[in-house]
Protein backbone atom coordinates (compact mmCIF):
# COMPACT_ATOMS: atom_id res chain seq x y z
CA MET A 1 -6.72 13.40 14.66
CA ALA A 2 -4.93 13.65 11.33
CA ARG A 3 -1.67 13.19 13.23
CA GLN A 4 -3.08 10.04 14.92
CA VAL A 5 -4.15 8.63 11.57
CA ARG A 6 -0.80 9.54 9.99
CA THR A 7 1.01 7.92 12.95
CA ALA A 8 -1.09 4.77 12.61
CA LEU A 9 -0.46 4.66 8.86
CA ASN A 10 3.29 5.18 9.39
CA SER A 11 3.23 2.35 11.91
CA GLY A 12 1.51 0.19 9.31
CA CYS A 13 4.14 1.22 6.77
CA GLU A 14 6.93 0.14 9.15
CA ARG A 15 5.11 -3.17 9.73
CA ILE A 16 4.92 -3.73 5.97
CA HIS A 17 8.60 -2.84 5.54
CA LYS A 18 9.56 -5.48 8.12
CA LEU A 19 7.26 -7.99 6.44
CA VAL A 20 8.90 -7.35 3.07
CA GLU A 21 12.38 -7.74 4.59
CA ARG A 22 11.36 -11.10 6.09
CA SER A 23 9.97 -12.28 2.75
CA ALA A 24 13.44 -13.42 1.71
CA THR A 25 13.16 -16.22 4.28
CA MET A 26 9.97 -17.77 2.91
CA SER A 27 9.59 -21.41 3.75
CA THR A 28 6.33 -22.46 2.12
CA GLN A 29 6.20 -23.15 -1.58
CA VAL A 30 2.82 -22.98 -3.31
CA ARG A 31 1.94 -24.02 -6.83
CA ILE A 32 -0.64 -21.88 -8.63
CA THR A 33 -2.13 -21.73 -12.11
CA LEU A 34 -2.44 -18.30 -13.75
CA GLN A 35 -4.21 -17.23 -16.88
CA ASP A 36 -1.70 -16.84 -19.71
CA GLU A 37 -2.35 -13.10 -20.00
CA ILE A 38 -1.69 -12.54 -16.27
CA TYR A 39 1.53 -14.51 -16.49
CA ARG A 40 2.68 -12.54 -19.54
CA ARG A 41 2.05 -9.27 -17.69
CA ALA A 42 3.89 -10.48 -14.60
CA LYS A 43 6.79 -11.71 -16.72
CA ARG A 44 7.00 -8.36 -18.52
CA LEU A 45 6.97 -6.40 -15.24
CA ALA A 46 9.61 -8.73 -13.81
CA GLU A 47 11.81 -8.14 -16.86
CA MET A 48 11.33 -4.37 -16.59
CA SER A 49 12.38 -4.41 -12.94
CA ASN A 50 15.22 -6.94 -13.39
CA ARG A 51 13.58 -9.50 -11.11
CA GLU A 52 12.51 -13.11 -11.32
CA VAL A 53 8.83 -13.56 -12.13
CA GLU A 54 8.42 -15.87 -9.11
CA GLU A 55 9.79 -13.18 -6.80
CA LEU A 56 7.52 -10.54 -8.31
CA LEU A 57 4.43 -12.75 -7.97
CA ALA A 58 5.29 -13.70 -4.39
CA GLN A 59 5.64 -10.03 -3.43
CA ALA A 60 2.40 -9.12 -5.21
CA ILE A 61 0.55 -11.80 -3.26
CA GLU A 62 2.23 -10.74 -0.04
CA LEU A 63 1.22 -7.12 -0.60
CA SER A 64 -2.38 -8.07 -1.33
CA PHE A 65 -2.67 -9.82 2.02
CA SER A 66 -0.56 -7.46 4.13
CA PRO A 67 -3.50 -5.19 5.07
CA VAL A 68 -5.13 -8.24 6.67
CA SER A 69 -3.74 -8.00 10.17
CA GLU A 70 -3.63 -10.99 12.46
CA THR A 71 -4.37 -8.68 15.39
CA GLY A 72 -7.31 -6.80 13.88
CA GLY A 73 -5.75 -3.54 12.68
CA ASP A 74 -4.47 -0.35 14.24
CA TYR A 75 -7.04 2.08 12.86
CA PRO A 76 -10.17 3.45 14.47
CA THR A 77 -13.38 2.63 12.62
CA VAL A 78 -14.34 5.60 10.45
CA SER A 79 -17.99 5.41 11.53
CA THR A 80 -16.96 6.04 15.16
CA MET A 81 -14.97 9.19 14.36
CA SER A 82 -16.19 12.71 14.96
CA ASP A 83 -17.25 14.84 11.99
CA GLN A 84 -13.98 16.80 12.20
CA GLU A 85 -11.91 13.61 12.27
CA VAL A 86 -13.77 12.25 9.23
CA ILE A 87 -13.15 15.47 7.31
CA GLU A 88 -9.45 15.50 8.26
CA LEU A 89 -9.04 11.88 7.21
CA SER A 90 -10.85 12.51 3.92
CA GLU A 91 -8.25 15.22 3.13
CA LEU A 92 -5.21 13.17 4.16
CA GLN A 93 -2.21 13.41 1.81
CA MET A 94 1.11 11.61 1.70
CA ALA A 95 3.84 13.77 3.21
CA PRO A 96 5.74 15.66 0.48
CA ARG A 97 9.05 14.01 1.43
CA GLN A 98 7.50 10.53 1.19
CA ASP A 99 5.78 11.45 -2.07
CA ARG A 100 9.07 12.59 -3.63
CA ARG A 101 10.85 9.44 -2.45
CA PHE A 102 8.00 7.29 -3.78
CA GLY A 103 8.32 8.98 -7.18
CA LYS A 104 12.11 8.49 -7.27
CA LEU A 105 11.78 4.82 -6.39
CA LEU A 106 9.11 4.30 -9.05
CA ASP A 107 11.42 5.93 -11.61
CA LYS A 108 14.29 3.68 -10.55
CA GLN A 109 12.03 0.63 -10.76
CA GLN A 110 11.00 1.54 -14.29
CA ALA A 111 14.66 2.04 -15.22
CA GLY A 112 15.52 -1.34 -13.68
CA THR A 113 18.04 0.13 -11.25
CA LEU A 114 16.46 -0.65 -7.86
CA ASN A 115 18.60 -2.48 -5.33
CA ALA A 116 17.09 -4.90 -2.77
CA ARG A 117 16.80 -2.27 -0.01
CA GLU A 118 15.11 0.18 -2.36
CA GLN A 119 12.74 -2.56 -3.55
CA SER A 120 11.68 -3.17 0.04
CA GLU A 121 11.27 0.56 0.61
CA LEU A 122 9.19 0.91 -2.56
CA LEU A 123 6.93 -1.97 -1.55
CA ALA A 124 6.46 -0.43 1.90
CA LEU A 125 5.60 2.96 0.38
CA MET A 126 3.20 1.32 -2.07
CA GLN A 127 1.45 -0.39 0.83
CA PHE A 128 1.37 2.84 2.80
CA TYR A 129 -0.15 4.61 -0.20
CA GLN A 130 -2.76 1.90 -0.69
CA GLU A 131 -3.74 1.87 2.98
CA SER A 132 -3.93 5.68 3.03
CA LEU A 133 -6.06 5.70 -0.10
CA LEU A 134 -8.42 3.10 1.36
CA ARG A 135 -8.79 5.04 4.62
CA LYS A 136 -9.35 8.27 2.69
CA ALA A 137 -12.04 6.61 0.55
CA GLN A 138 -13.76 5.27 3.66
CA ALA A 139 -13.71 8.76 5.18
CA LEU A 140 -15.08 10.31 1.98
CA GLY A 141 -17.93 7.80 1.97
CA GLU A 142 -18.67 8.50 5.63
CA ALA A 143 -18.54 12.27 5.04
CA VAL A 144 -21.09 11.94 2.22
CA ARG A 145 -23.28 9.64 4.34
CA ARG A 146 -23.29 12.21 7.16
CA GLY A 147 -23.98 15.09 4.79
CA LEU A 148 -20.63 16.74 5.54
CA ARG A 149 -19.79 16.97 1.83
CA GLN A 150 -21.35 16.37 -1.55
CA PRO A 151 -20.69 13.10 -3.38
CA LEU A 152 -17.83 13.21 -5.86
CA THR A 153 -18.91 13.49 -9.47
CA PRO A 154 -17.04 12.19 -12.53
């Protein structure tokens, strides 16, 4: 089951990577109003990563909506999984190779040395990480609900 979940997440990661690559061909322009503090943060992050603030904001918005699939998602509902599948999903970790690459790309972003391909790869890995974390949290909640594990404590 963990392999099925990992395969589904990798498929989602590839889908996000393609979406990010297509983002350069955007055709709809939208005007938004941001709070000054949010704009200052976005501007600072854009400066740190040697990007235009408009590009950074567009990618942030794109990432926030990318988990919303037009086809309904590729993942089985956690509540329909067996106890073993729920436990496996609750223990899911990013593959060590992906984790190392993610760290390197984050370092390059902070240093302002990412190229366009690496930026797309970083965004795809960030999305993969976020989706994995969400699925893991859902599995942890389900495991607690079923009495398979104790609730996490701070």
